[in-house]
Amino acid sequence: MAYRSARNGKSRPARQTNGITKGWFEWFACGVAHFAGKPAVFLIALVSVVVWAATGPIFHYSDSWQLVINTSTTIVTFLMVFLIQNTQNRDTMALQIKLAELIFAIRGAKNKMAIAEDMTEEDLERLHQQYRRHAEEALSHLERKRAARKKAA
């Protein structure tokens, strides 16, 4: 599988991970999200902040000194939002697909639930209330059975 480069329009091979072909952005986003979640990366960020704070007296807590940390954190946060959102979107879609597969595999399941993410807010709220009522009915039924068993015993 190949993808077209936005720069020159030539086809280049996509990257393979665990036998799954991904475009360059998906590959990069997954890699960065995975890397950013490691404890070592947190420690690097923590050490960076401590070093920055320690240099405060050297730079007399100047505006430029403050601007360094503000700009750095803003840029990192801005870029990470998009990378993590991409990873989250793919994870959510994969979860939806897995749930749809389970719904289709279970006899008696309502197949329309497999596309619940495409329903309107009103439809979702209506279904939520319906399932809440079912759960309350099931709970009261179980409580009645338990009470009957206690009486019988």
N, C-alpha and C. Protein backbone atom coordinates (compact mmCIF):
# COMPACT_ATOMS: atom_id res chain seq x y z
N MET A 1 0.85 -1.18 0.00
CA MET A 1 0.00 0.00 0.00
C MET A 1 0.89 1.23 0.00
N ALA A 2 0.49 2.25 -0.71
CA ALA A 2 1.28 3.47 -0.80
C ALA A 2 0.39 4.67 -0.54
N TYR A 3 1.01 5.79 -0.27
CA TYR A 3 0.27 7.03 -0.13
C TYR A 3 0.97 8.09 -0.95
N ARG A 4 0.25 9.13 -1.30
CA ARG A 4 0.81 10.19 -2.11
C ARG A 4 1.39 11.28 -1.22
N SER A 5 2.57 11.69 -1.56
CA SER A 5 3.20 12.78 -0.83
C SER A 5 2.50 14.08 -1.18
N ALA A 6 2.22 14.88 -0.18
CA ALA A 6 1.57 16.17 -0.41
C ALA A 6 2.54 17.12 -1.11
N ARG A 7 3.82 16.91 -0.92
CA ARG A 7 4.83 17.81 -1.46
C ARG A 7 5.00 17.64 -2.97
N ASN A 8 5.22 16.40 -3.41
CA ASN A 8 5.53 16.22 -4.82
C ASN A 8 4.58 15.28 -5.54
N GLY A 9 3.59 14.73 -4.86
CA GLY A 9 2.59 13.88 -5.49
C GLY A 9 3.08 12.48 -5.81
N LYS A 10 4.34 12.16 -5.50
CA LYS A 10 4.87 10.82 -5.78
C LYS A 10 4.39 9.84 -4.72
N SER A 11 4.20 8.61 -5.12
CA SER A 11 3.79 7.58 -4.18
C SER A 11 4.98 7.09 -3.38
N ARG A 12 4.76 6.95 -2.09
CA ARG A 12 5.78 6.38 -1.22
C ARG A 12 5.12 5.29 -0.41
N PRO A 13 5.86 4.27 -0.01
CA PRO A 13 5.24 3.21 0.79
C PRO A 13 4.86 3.72 2.16
N ALA A 14 3.72 3.24 2.65
CA ALA A 14 3.31 3.56 4.01
C ALA A 14 4.10 2.68 4.96
N ARG A 15 4.12 3.03 6.21
CA ARG A 15 4.87 2.27 7.21
C ARG A 15 4.04 1.09 7.69
N GLN A 16 4.73 0.00 8.02
CA GLN A 16 4.07 -1.20 8.53
C GLN A 16 4.43 -1.35 10.00
N THR A 17 3.40 -1.57 10.84
CA THR A 17 3.59 -1.84 12.25
C THR A 17 2.74 -3.04 12.60
N ASN A 18 3.36 -4.10 13.09
CA ASN A 18 2.64 -5.32 13.45
C ASN A 18 1.79 -5.83 12.28
N GLY A 19 2.29 -5.69 11.07
CA GLY A 19 1.57 -6.17 9.91
C GLY A 19 0.45 -5.25 9.45
N ILE A 20 0.28 -4.09 10.10
CA ILE A 20 -0.78 -3.15 9.75
C ILE A 20 -0.14 -1.95 9.06
N THR A 21 -0.67 -1.60 7.91
CA THR A 21 -0.13 -0.49 7.15
C THR A 21 -0.73 0.81 7.64
N LYS A 22 0.14 1.80 7.91
CA LYS A 22 -0.31 3.11 8.37
C LYS A 22 0.35 4.18 7.51
N GLY A 23 -0.35 5.28 7.31
CA GLY A 23 0.23 6.44 6.65
C GLY A 23 1.24 7.09 7.58
N TRP A 24 1.99 8.02 7.07
CA TRP A 24 3.06 8.63 7.88
C TRP A 24 2.51 9.35 9.10
N PHE A 25 1.35 10.05 8.97
CA PHE A 25 0.85 10.79 10.13
C PHE A 25 0.35 9.84 11.21
N GLU A 26 -0.35 8.78 10.83
CA GLU A 26 -0.82 7.81 11.82
C GLU A 26 0.35 7.16 12.52
N TRP A 27 1.36 6.79 11.75
CA TRP A 27 2.56 6.19 12.32
C TRP A 27 3.24 7.16 13.30
N PHE A 28 3.40 8.41 12.88
CA PHE A 28 4.05 9.42 13.72
C PHE A 28 3.22 9.70 14.97
N ALA A 29 1.91 9.87 14.81
CA ALA A 29 1.04 10.17 15.96
C ALA A 29 1.06 9.04 16.98
N CYS A 30 1.00 7.81 16.51
CA CYS A 30 1.06 6.66 17.43
C CYS A 30 2.39 6.63 18.17
N GLY A 31 3.46 6.84 17.43
CA GLY A 31 4.79 6.81 18.04
C GLY A 31 4.97 7.89 19.08
N VAL A 32 4.55 9.11 18.76
CA VAL A 32 4.70 10.22 19.70
C VAL A 32 3.82 10.01 20.92
N ALA A 33 2.55 9.59 20.70
CA ALA A 33 1.65 9.37 21.83
C ALA A 33 2.19 8.27 22.74
N HIS A 34 2.73 7.22 22.14
CA HIS A 34 3.30 6.13 22.94
C HIS A 34 4.52 6.62 23.72
N PHE A 35 5.39 7.36 23.04
CA PHE A 35 6.60 7.87 23.67
C PHE A 35 6.27 8.87 24.78
N ALA A 36 5.30 9.76 24.52
CA ALA A 36 4.96 10.82 25.48
C ALA A 36 4.34 10.26 26.76
N GLY A 37 3.80 9.05 26.69
CA GLY A 37 3.18 8.46 27.86
C GLY A 37 4.14 7.72 28.78
N LYS A 38 5.40 7.73 28.47
CA LYS A 38 6.38 7.01 29.29
C LYS A 38 6.82 7.86 30.49
N PRO A 39 7.12 7.21 31.60
CA PRO A 39 7.59 7.95 32.79
C PRO A 39 8.85 8.75 32.53
N ALA A 40 9.73 8.26 31.68
CA ALA A 40 10.98 8.97 31.40
C ALA A 40 10.71 10.33 30.76
N VAL A 41 9.69 10.41 29.93
CA VAL A 41 9.36 11.68 29.28
C VAL A 41 8.84 12.67 30.33
N PHE A 42 8.05 12.17 31.26
CA PHE A 42 7.59 13.03 32.35
C PHE A 42 8.78 13.56 33.14
N LEU A 43 9.73 12.68 33.42
CA LEU A 43 10.92 13.11 34.18
C LEU A 43 11.73 14.14 33.41
N ILE A 44 11.84 13.97 32.10
CA ILE A 44 12.55 14.95 31.27
C ILE A 44 11.85 16.31 31.37
N ALA A 45 10.52 16.30 31.27
CA ALA A 45 9.76 17.55 31.38
C ALA A 45 9.94 18.18 32.75
N LEU A 46 9.91 17.36 33.78
CA LEU A 46 10.08 17.85 35.15
C LEU A 46 11.47 18.46 35.34
N VAL A 47 12.49 17.78 34.87
CA VAL A 47 13.86 18.29 34.97
C VAL A 47 13.98 19.60 34.19
N SER A 48 13.35 19.68 33.04
CA SER A 48 13.39 20.92 32.25
C SER A 48 12.81 22.09 33.03
N VAL A 49 11.69 21.85 33.69
CA VAL A 49 11.06 22.92 34.47
C VAL A 49 11.94 23.30 35.66
N VAL A 50 12.52 22.31 36.31
CA VAL A 50 13.40 22.59 37.46
C VAL A 50 14.62 23.39 37.00
N VAL A 51 15.22 23.01 35.88
CA VAL A 51 16.38 23.73 35.36
C VAL A 51 15.98 25.16 35.01
N TRP A 52 14.83 25.31 34.35
CA TRP A 52 14.34 26.64 34.00
C TRP A 52 14.15 27.48 35.27
N ALA A 53 13.52 26.90 36.29
CA ALA A 53 13.28 27.63 37.54
C ALA A 53 14.60 27.99 38.22
N ALA A 54 15.56 27.09 38.16
CA ALA A 54 16.86 27.34 38.80
C ALA A 54 17.61 28.47 38.11
N THR A 55 17.37 28.67 36.83
CA THR A 55 18.07 29.74 36.11
C THR A 55 17.41 31.10 36.32
N GLY A 56 16.29 31.13 37.03
CA GLY A 56 15.60 32.40 37.28
C GLY A 56 16.49 33.47 37.88
N PRO A 57 17.20 33.16 38.96
CA PRO A 57 18.07 34.20 39.55
C PRO A 57 19.18 34.66 38.60
N ILE A 58 19.67 33.74 37.76
CA ILE A 58 20.74 34.10 36.81
C ILE A 58 20.24 35.15 35.82
N PHE A 59 18.99 34.97 35.36
CA PHE A 59 18.41 35.90 34.38
C PHE A 59 17.54 36.96 35.04
N HIS A 60 17.63 37.05 36.36
CA HIS A 60 16.90 38.06 37.14
C HIS A 60 15.40 38.00 36.88
N TYR A 61 14.91 36.80 36.69
CA TYR A 61 13.46 36.58 36.47
C TYR A 61 12.89 37.52 35.42
N SER A 62 13.64 37.69 34.35
CA SER A 62 13.26 38.66 33.31
C SER A 62 12.06 38.17 32.51
N ASP A 63 11.54 39.08 31.73
CA ASP A 63 10.42 38.73 30.85
C ASP A 63 10.84 37.67 29.83
N SER A 64 12.04 37.79 29.32
CA SER A 64 12.55 36.81 28.36
C SER A 64 12.66 35.43 29.00
N TRP A 65 13.11 35.40 30.23
CA TRP A 65 13.22 34.13 30.97
C TRP A 65 11.85 33.48 31.10
N GLN A 66 10.83 34.27 31.45
CA GLN A 66 9.48 33.74 31.57
C GLN A 66 8.92 33.33 30.21
N LEU A 67 9.25 34.08 29.18
CA LEU A 67 8.76 33.81 27.84
C LEU A 67 9.26 32.45 27.32
N VAL A 68 10.45 32.06 27.74
CA VAL A 68 11.01 30.77 27.30
C VAL A 68 10.09 29.63 27.71
N ILE A 69 9.69 29.56 28.97
CA ILE A 69 8.85 28.45 29.43
C ILE A 69 7.44 28.58 28.88
N ASN A 70 6.92 29.81 28.83
CA ASN A 70 5.57 29.99 28.30
C ASN A 70 5.47 29.55 26.85
N THR A 71 6.42 29.98 26.04
CA THR A 71 6.41 29.62 24.62
C THR A 71 6.62 28.13 24.43
N SER A 72 7.57 27.58 25.15
CA SER A 72 7.86 26.14 25.02
C SER A 72 6.65 25.29 25.37
N THR A 73 6.04 25.57 26.50
CA THR A 73 4.89 24.75 26.91
C THR A 73 3.70 24.96 25.98
N THR A 74 3.50 26.15 25.49
CA THR A 74 2.39 26.41 24.57
C THR A 74 2.58 25.64 23.27
N ILE A 75 3.76 25.66 22.73
CA ILE A 75 4.02 24.95 21.46
C ILE A 75 3.85 23.45 21.65
N VAL A 76 4.44 22.91 22.69
CA VAL A 76 4.33 21.46 22.93
C VAL A 76 2.88 21.07 23.14
N THR A 77 2.15 21.83 23.94
CA THR A 77 0.74 21.52 24.19
C THR A 77 -0.07 21.60 22.91
N PHE A 78 0.12 22.64 22.14
CA PHE A 78 -0.61 22.84 20.89
C PHE A 78 -0.42 21.65 19.94
N LEU A 79 0.81 21.23 19.76
CA LEU A 79 1.09 20.12 18.85
C LEU A 79 0.59 18.78 19.41
N MET A 80 0.75 18.57 20.71
CA MET A 80 0.34 17.31 21.32
C MET A 80 -1.18 17.12 21.27
N VAL A 81 -1.93 18.20 21.33
CA VAL A 81 -3.39 18.09 21.26
C VAL A 81 -3.80 17.38 19.97
N PHE A 82 -3.21 17.76 18.87
CA PHE A 82 -3.58 17.17 17.58
C PHE A 82 -3.11 15.73 17.46
N LEU A 83 -1.91 15.46 17.93
CA LEU A 83 -1.41 14.09 17.86
C LEU A 83 -2.22 13.15 18.75
N ILE A 84 -2.51 13.59 19.95
CA ILE A 84 -3.28 12.74 20.86
C ILE A 84 -4.71 12.59 20.38
N GLN A 85 -5.29 13.65 19.81
CA GLN A 85 -6.65 13.55 19.29
C GLN A 85 -6.71 12.54 18.15
N ASN A 86 -5.71 12.54 17.29
CA ASN A 86 -5.67 11.56 16.20
C ASN A 86 -5.63 10.15 16.76
N THR A 87 -4.79 9.92 17.74
CA THR A 87 -4.69 8.60 18.36
C THR A 87 -6.00 8.23 19.03
N GLN A 88 -6.61 9.18 19.73
CA GLN A 88 -7.89 8.93 20.41
C GLN A 88 -9.00 8.61 19.41
N ASN A 89 -9.03 9.32 18.30
CA ASN A 89 -10.04 9.05 17.27
C ASN A 89 -9.92 7.62 16.74
N ARG A 90 -8.69 7.20 16.47
CA ARG A 90 -8.48 5.85 15.96
C ARG A 90 -8.83 4.81 17.01
N ASP A 91 -8.45 5.05 18.28
CA ASP A 91 -8.78 4.11 19.34
C ASP A 91 -10.28 3.99 19.53
N THR A 92 -10.98 5.12 19.48
CA THR A 92 -12.43 5.11 19.62
C THR A 92 -13.08 4.35 18.47
N MET A 93 -12.61 4.58 17.26
CA MET A 93 -13.17 3.88 16.09
C MET A 93 -12.91 2.38 16.21
N ALA A 94 -11.73 1.99 16.63
CA ALA A 94 -11.43 0.57 16.81
C ALA A 94 -12.34 -0.05 17.86
N LEU A 95 -12.58 0.67 18.94
CA LEU A 95 -13.48 0.18 19.99
C LEU A 95 -14.89 0.05 19.46
N GLN A 96 -15.34 1.02 18.67
CA GLN A 96 -16.68 0.94 18.08
C GLN A 96 -16.81 -0.28 17.16
N ILE A 97 -15.79 -0.55 16.39
CA ILE A 97 -15.80 -1.70 15.49
C ILE A 97 -15.85 -3.00 16.28
N LYS A 98 -15.07 -3.09 17.34
CA LYS A 98 -15.06 -4.30 18.16
C LYS A 98 -16.42 -4.51 18.82
N LEU A 99 -17.01 -3.44 19.34
CA LEU A 99 -18.34 -3.56 19.94
C LEU A 99 -19.38 -3.96 18.91
N ALA A 100 -19.29 -3.38 17.71
CA ALA A 100 -20.23 -3.75 16.65
C ALA A 100 -20.11 -5.23 16.32
N GLU A 101 -18.90 -5.73 16.25
CA GLU A 101 -18.68 -7.16 15.98
C GLU A 101 -19.34 -8.01 17.06
N LEU A 102 -19.19 -7.62 18.32
CA LEU A 102 -19.81 -8.37 19.42
C LEU A 102 -21.34 -8.31 19.32
N ILE A 103 -21.86 -7.14 19.00
CA ILE A 103 -23.31 -7.00 18.89
C ILE A 103 -23.84 -7.91 17.79
N PHE A 104 -23.18 -7.92 16.64
CA PHE A 104 -23.63 -8.76 15.54
C PHE A 104 -23.48 -10.24 15.85
N ALA A 105 -22.51 -10.58 16.70
CA ALA A 105 -22.26 -11.98 17.01
C ALA A 105 -23.23 -12.55 18.04
N ILE A 106 -23.86 -11.69 18.83
CA ILE A 106 -24.75 -12.16 19.89
C ILE A 106 -26.16 -12.30 19.37
N ARG A 107 -26.71 -13.48 19.52
CA ARG A 107 -28.08 -13.73 19.09
C ARG A 107 -29.03 -12.92 19.97
N GLY A 108 -29.98 -12.28 19.36
CA GLY A 108 -30.97 -11.50 20.09
C GLY A 108 -30.56 -10.07 20.35
N ALA A 109 -29.32 -9.72 20.03
CA ALA A 109 -28.88 -8.33 20.23
C ALA A 109 -29.53 -7.44 19.17
N LYS A 110 -29.77 -6.21 19.53
CA LYS A 110 -30.35 -5.25 18.60
C LYS A 110 -29.24 -4.71 17.71
N ASN A 111 -29.28 -5.04 16.44
CA ASN A 111 -28.21 -4.64 15.52
C ASN A 111 -28.09 -3.13 15.37
N LYS A 112 -29.18 -2.39 15.63
CA LYS A 112 -29.09 -0.94 15.48
C LYS A 112 -28.13 -0.34 16.51
N MET A 113 -27.83 -1.06 17.58
CA MET A 113 -26.89 -0.56 18.58
C MET A 113 -25.48 -0.50 18.02
N ALA A 114 -25.21 -1.24 16.97
CA ALA A 114 -23.87 -1.24 16.38
C ALA A 114 -23.53 0.10 15.75
N ILE A 115 -24.54 0.91 15.47
CA ILE A 115 -24.29 2.23 14.88
C ILE A 115 -24.75 3.35 15.81
N ALA A 116 -24.74 3.10 17.10
CA ALA A 116 -25.22 4.08 18.08
C ALA A 116 -24.44 5.39 18.00
N GLU A 117 -23.17 5.34 17.64
CA GLU A 117 -22.37 6.57 17.58
C GLU A 117 -22.84 7.51 16.48
N ASP A 118 -23.65 7.01 15.55
CA ASP A 118 -24.17 7.86 14.47
C ASP A 118 -25.55 8.42 14.77
N MET A 119 -26.12 8.08 15.93
CA MET A 119 -27.47 8.54 16.28
C MET A 119 -27.42 9.99 16.77
N THR A 120 -28.58 10.64 16.74
CA THR A 120 -28.68 12.01 17.23
C THR A 120 -28.65 12.00 18.76
N GLU A 121 -28.42 13.17 19.33
CA GLU A 121 -28.42 13.29 20.79
C GLU A 121 -29.76 12.86 21.37
N GLU A 122 -30.85 13.25 20.71
CA GLU A 122 -32.18 12.90 21.20
C GLU A 122 -32.39 11.38 21.20
N ASP A 123 -31.97 10.72 20.12
CA ASP A 123 -32.10 9.26 20.04
C ASP A 123 -31.26 8.58 21.13
N LEU A 124 -30.05 9.08 21.34
CA LEU A 124 -29.19 8.51 22.37
C LEU A 124 -29.79 8.70 23.76
N GLU A 125 -30.34 9.88 24.01
CA GLU A 125 -30.96 10.13 25.31
C GLU A 125 -32.18 9.22 25.52
N ARG A 126 -32.98 9.05 24.49
CA ARG A 126 -34.14 8.17 24.56
C ARG A 126 -33.71 6.73 24.86
N LEU A 127 -32.68 6.26 24.16
CA LEU A 127 -32.17 4.90 24.41
C LEU A 127 -31.59 4.78 25.82
N HIS A 128 -30.91 5.82 26.26
CA HIS A 128 -30.34 5.80 27.61
C HIS A 128 -31.45 5.64 28.65
N GLN A 129 -32.51 6.40 28.49
CA GLN A 129 -33.64 6.30 29.43
C GLN A 129 -34.29 4.92 29.36
N GLN A 130 -34.41 4.39 28.15
CA GLN A 130 -35.00 3.06 27.97
C GLN A 130 -34.17 1.99 28.67
N TYR A 131 -32.85 2.03 28.49
CA TYR A 131 -31.99 1.05 29.14
C TYR A 131 -31.91 1.25 30.65
N ARG A 132 -32.04 2.49 31.09
CA ARG A 132 -32.09 2.75 32.52
C ARG A 132 -33.34 2.11 33.13
N ARG A 133 -34.47 2.25 32.45
CA ARG A 133 -35.71 1.61 32.93
C ARG A 133 -35.56 0.09 32.97
N HIS A 134 -34.96 -0.47 31.91
CA HIS A 134 -34.73 -1.93 31.89
C HIS A 134 -33.86 -2.36 33.07
N ALA A 135 -32.82 -1.59 33.35
CA ALA A 135 -31.92 -1.93 34.45
C ALA A 135 -32.66 -1.83 35.79
N GLU A 136 -33.48 -0.81 35.96
CA GLU A 136 -34.23 -0.67 37.21
C GLU A 136 -35.23 -1.82 37.38
N GLU A 137 -35.89 -2.22 36.28
CA GLU A 137 -36.83 -3.35 36.32
C GLU A 137 -36.09 -4.63 36.69
N ALA A 138 -34.93 -4.85 36.09
CA ALA A 138 -34.15 -6.05 36.38
C ALA A 138 -33.70 -6.06 37.84
N LEU A 139 -33.29 -4.92 38.35
CA LEU A 139 -32.86 -4.82 39.74
C LEU A 139 -34.02 -5.11 40.69
N SER A 140 -35.19 -4.54 40.43
CA SER A 140 -36.33 -4.79 41.32
C SER A 140 -36.77 -6.25 41.23
N HIS A 141 -36.66 -6.85 40.05
CA HIS A 141 -36.99 -8.27 39.89
C HIS A 141 -36.04 -9.13 40.73
N LEU A 142 -34.75 -8.82 40.67
CA LEU A 142 -33.77 -9.56 41.47
C LEU A 142 -34.02 -9.37 42.97
N GLU A 143 -34.34 -8.18 43.37
CA GLU A 143 -34.62 -7.92 44.79
C GLU A 143 -35.84 -8.71 45.26
N ARG A 144 -36.88 -8.80 44.42
CA ARG A 144 -38.06 -9.59 44.77
C ARG A 144 -37.70 -11.07 44.90
N LYS A 145 -36.87 -11.57 43.98
CA LYS A 145 -36.45 -12.98 44.06
C LYS A 145 -35.64 -13.25 45.32
N ARG A 146 -34.74 -12.33 45.65
CA ARG A 146 -33.93 -12.51 46.86
C ARG A 146 -34.80 -12.48 48.12
N ALA A 147 -35.77 -11.58 48.14
CA ALA A 147 -36.66 -11.50 49.28
C ALA A 147 -37.49 -12.78 49.42
N ALA A 148 -37.93 -13.33 48.28
CA ALA A 148 -38.71 -14.56 48.29
C ALA A 148 -37.86 -15.72 48.79
N ARG A 149 -36.60 -15.76 48.39
CA ARG A 149 -35.69 -16.84 48.86
C ARG A 149 -35.46 -16.74 50.36
N LYS A 150 -35.31 -15.52 50.86
CA LYS A 150 -35.09 -15.33 52.29
C LYS A 150 -36.30 -15.78 53.08
N LYS A 151 -37.50 -15.50 52.54
CA LYS A 151 -38.74 -15.93 53.21
C LYS A 151 -38.83 -17.45 53.23
N ALA A 152 -38.47 -18.07 52.13
CA ALA A 152 -38.57 -19.52 52.01
C ALA A 152 -37.55 -20.22 52.91
N ALA A 153 -36.45 -19.58 53.18
CA ALA A 153 -35.39 -20.22 53.96
C ALA A 153 -35.59 -20.14 55.42
